Amino acid sequence: MTVKELSEKFEFREIRPDEAEQAAKIEQICFPPNEACTEKMMRERVEAVPDLFLVAVDKEKGRLAGFLNGLATNEKMFSDEFFTDAGLHDPEGENVMLLGLDVLPEYRRKGLASEIMRRYKERENRRGRKRLILTCLGTKVEMYEKMGFRDHGISGSNWGGEEWHEMICVLNVNNS
């Protein structure tokens, strides 16, 4: 789908408190049990940092099709504690640790994940953030490289007992 078609089909915005349960269910669909965050963790994230979520709502069905969420920090390396402790969020943080890009299976391979990421990068750049940092499995490295991330090798994260790559996207901050 083109950007215009995606904009016509989906509403892109921050998450609402009543959508935490829906987001947790999507997370359970998109990630295996050892990697997915719990409903409690998702509720804590939504409550603590709704402004660092970007959801895509299917306008016709009135439900979430996908989302991206993170926590702001001045840390420069990903740590598993970001997954479990929403209290680590620093509203003034120059970096965003991305915690999950989730798109329901029926919406995949249409450009939605890329559009969510494009909009997220633009928004966080406007907010003056310097970097987006995430971890991904080796099978997803190429996808994130296409979204503007660089692979910085194997991460210190062992979330879910997996080996993760640390990916960083430097934003083009221009706050003059």
Protein backbone atom coordinates (compact mmCIF):
# COMPACT_ATOMS: atom_id res chain seq x y z
CA MET A 1 0.00 0.00 0.00
CA THR A 2 1.13 3.56 -0.62
CA VAL A 3 1.54 6.09 2.19
CA LYS A 4 -1.69 7.74 0.98
CA GLU A 5 -3.59 4.43 1.05
CA LEU A 6 -2.25 3.63 4.52
CA SER A 7 -3.30 7.09 5.71
CA GLU A 8 -6.81 6.53 4.34
CA LYS A 9 -7.18 3.07 5.92
CA PHE A 10 -5.49 3.72 9.30
CA GLU A 11 -5.52 6.38 11.97
CA PHE A 12 -2.04 6.88 13.47
CA ARG A 13 -1.96 8.27 17.03
CA GLU A 14 -0.90 7.73 20.65
CA ILE A 15 -2.47 4.84 22.53
CA ARG A 16 -5.47 5.38 24.79
CA PRO A 17 -5.68 3.86 28.30
CA ASP A 18 -8.61 1.62 27.32
CA GLU A 19 -6.49 0.06 24.53
CA ALA A 20 -3.86 -1.51 26.84
CA GLU A 21 -5.61 -4.89 26.91
CA GLN A 22 -5.96 -4.89 23.12
CA ALA A 23 -2.24 -4.05 22.77
CA ALA A 24 -1.30 -6.86 25.18
CA LYS A 25 -3.33 -9.36 23.13
CA ILE A 26 -1.61 -8.22 19.92
CA GLU A 27 1.76 -8.63 21.65
CA GLN A 28 0.80 -12.21 22.59
CA ILE A 29 -0.05 -12.92 18.93
CA CYS A 30 3.10 -11.29 17.51
CA PHE A 31 5.70 -12.73 19.89
CA PRO A 32 6.23 -16.20 21.36
CA PRO A 33 5.43 -16.54 25.09
CA ASN A 34 9.09 -16.29 26.14
CA GLU A 35 9.45 -12.92 24.33
CA ALA A 36 6.03 -11.24 24.69
CA CYS A 37 5.42 -8.77 27.46
CA THR A 38 2.70 -9.59 29.94
CA GLU A 39 -0.63 -7.80 30.14
CA LYS A 40 0.57 -6.20 33.41
CA MET A 41 3.76 -4.91 31.74
CA MET A 42 1.74 -3.51 28.81
CA ARG A 43 -0.70 -1.75 31.16
CA GLU A 44 2.23 -0.20 33.04
CA ARG A 45 3.78 1.04 29.77
CA VAL A 46 0.49 2.49 28.53
CA GLU A 47 -0.07 4.23 31.87
CA ALA A 48 3.50 5.54 32.19
CA VAL A 49 4.30 6.55 28.61
CA PRO A 50 1.29 6.68 26.25
CA ASP A 51 3.10 9.37 24.25
CA LEU A 52 5.81 6.88 23.27
CA PHE A 53 3.30 4.56 21.65
CA LEU A 54 2.24 4.98 18.06
CA VAL A 55 -0.77 2.90 17.14
CA ALA A 56 -2.33 2.19 13.75
CA VAL A 57 -6.10 1.86 14.07
CA ASP A 58 -8.05 0.19 11.27
CA LYS A 59 -10.66 2.90 10.62
CA GLU A 60 -13.18 0.45 9.19
CA LYS A 61 -12.94 -2.11 12.02
CA GLY A 62 -12.25 0.38 14.83
CA ARG A 63 -9.45 -1.72 16.35
CA LEU A 64 -5.69 -1.69 16.62
CA ALA A 65 -3.90 -3.25 13.66
CA GLY A 66 -0.43 -2.62 15.05
CA PHE A 67 1.74 -0.42 17.23
CA LEU A 68 5.26 0.57 18.24
CA ASN A 69 6.23 1.46 21.79
CA GLY A 70 9.29 2.52 23.72
CA LEU A 71 10.80 4.32 26.69
CA ALA A 72 12.96 7.46 26.59
CA THR A 73 16.32 7.41 28.35
CA ASN A 74 19.82 8.83 28.22
CA GLU A 75 21.24 5.29 28.18
CA LYS A 76 23.00 4.35 24.95
CA MET A 77 22.79 0.56 25.20
CA PHE A 78 19.74 -1.65 25.44
CA SER A 79 19.12 -3.53 28.66
CA ASP A 80 16.38 -6.06 29.47
CA GLU A 81 15.19 -3.90 32.38
CA PHE A 82 13.56 -1.57 29.84
CA PHE A 83 11.09 -4.37 29.06
CA THR A 84 10.07 -4.88 32.67
CA ASP A 85 10.33 -1.45 34.33
CA ALA A 86 8.34 1.40 32.77
CA GLY A 87 9.67 3.54 35.64
CA LEU A 88 13.00 3.76 33.78
CA HIS A 89 11.34 6.20 31.36
CA ASP A 90 12.96 9.65 31.43
CA PRO A 91 10.74 12.16 29.58
CA GLU A 92 13.84 14.24 28.81
CA GLY A 93 15.85 11.26 27.55
CA GLU A 94 17.64 11.77 24.25
CA ASN A 95 17.23 8.15 23.13
CA VAL A 96 14.22 5.87 22.79
CA MET A 97 14.54 2.18 23.57
CA LEU A 98 11.97 0.54 21.30
CA LEU A 99 10.24 -2.34 23.06
CA GLY A 100 8.13 -3.81 20.31
CA LEU A 101 6.85 -3.33 16.78
CA ASP A 102 3.68 -5.39 16.59
CA VAL A 103 1.48 -5.84 13.51
CA LEU A 104 -1.35 -8.36 13.43
CA PRO A 105 -0.82 -11.11 10.81
CA GLU A 106 -3.70 -10.00 8.56
CA TYR A 107 -2.10 -6.54 8.18
CA ARG A 108 1.43 -7.70 7.39
CA ARG A 109 3.26 -7.35 4.07
CA LYS A 110 1.34 -4.18 3.19
CA GLY A 111 3.89 -1.64 4.42
CA LEU A 112 2.16 -0.95 7.74
CA ALA A 113 5.17 -1.74 9.97
CA SER A 114 7.39 0.49 7.82
CA GLU A 115 4.82 3.31 7.93
CA ILE A 116 4.48 3.06 11.71
CA MET A 117 8.27 3.23 12.03
CA ARG A 118 8.56 6.13 9.54
CA ARG A 119 6.00 8.17 11.46
CA TYR A 120 7.57 7.26 14.80
CA LYS A 121 11.01 8.36 13.61
CA GLU A 122 9.60 11.67 12.34
CA ARG A 123 7.74 12.33 15.58
CA GLU A 124 10.70 11.53 17.84
CA ASN A 125 13.03 13.58 15.63
CA ARG A 126 10.67 16.58 16.07
CA ARG A 127 10.79 15.97 19.82
CA GLY A 128 14.60 16.28 19.70
CA ARG A 129 15.48 12.63 20.30
CA LYS A 130 18.87 11.54 18.97
CA ARG A 131 18.54 7.77 18.54
CA LEU A 132 16.09 4.92 18.37
CA ILE A 133 17.55 1.69 19.75
CA LEU A 134 16.03 -1.77 19.52
CA THR A 135 16.95 -5.41 19.68
CA CYS A 136 15.83 -7.99 17.14
CA LEU A 137 16.45 -11.57 16.16
CA GLY A 138 18.90 -12.18 13.34
CA THR A 139 16.01 -12.95 10.98
CA LYS A 140 14.72 -9.36 11.38
CA VAL A 141 18.01 -7.49 10.89
CA GLU A 142 17.43 -6.92 7.16
CA MET A 143 13.91 -5.59 7.76
CA TYR A 144 15.16 -3.02 10.28
CA GLU A 145 18.08 -2.07 8.04
CA LYS A 146 15.51 -1.18 5.36
CA MET A 147 13.86 1.07 7.98
CA GLY A 148 17.11 2.97 8.53
CA PHE A 149 18.69 1.05 11.41
CA ARG A 150 22.30 -0.16 11.56
CA ASP A 151 23.25 -3.47 13.09
CA HIS A 152 25.66 -2.96 15.99
CA GLY A 153 26.20 -6.68 16.57
CA ILE A 154 25.01 -9.01 19.27
CA SER A 155 23.27 -7.23 22.14
CA GLY A 156 23.84 -7.81 25.83
CA SER A 157 20.12 -8.63 26.02
CA ASN A 158 19.12 -12.22 26.57
CA TRP A 159 15.38 -11.52 26.85
CA GLY A 160 13.38 -14.71 26.43
CA GLY A 161 16.57 -16.76 26.28
CA GLU A 162 17.32 -15.51 22.75
CA GLU A 163 20.33 -13.96 21.05
CA TRP A 164 19.48 -10.43 19.90
CA HIS A 165 21.09 -7.92 17.57
CA GLU A 166 21.31 -4.32 18.76
CA MET A 167 20.03 -1.98 16.07
CA ILE A 168 20.40 1.82 16.16
CA CYS A 169 18.82 4.52 14.03
CA VAL A 170 20.42 7.94 14.40
CA LEU A 171 17.82 10.66 13.91
CA ASN A 172 18.50 13.83 11.95
CA VAL A 173 17.77 16.21 14.78
CA ASN A 174 17.56 19.78 13.60
CA ASN A 175 16.30 21.94 16.44
CA SER A 176 17.79 25.24 15.34
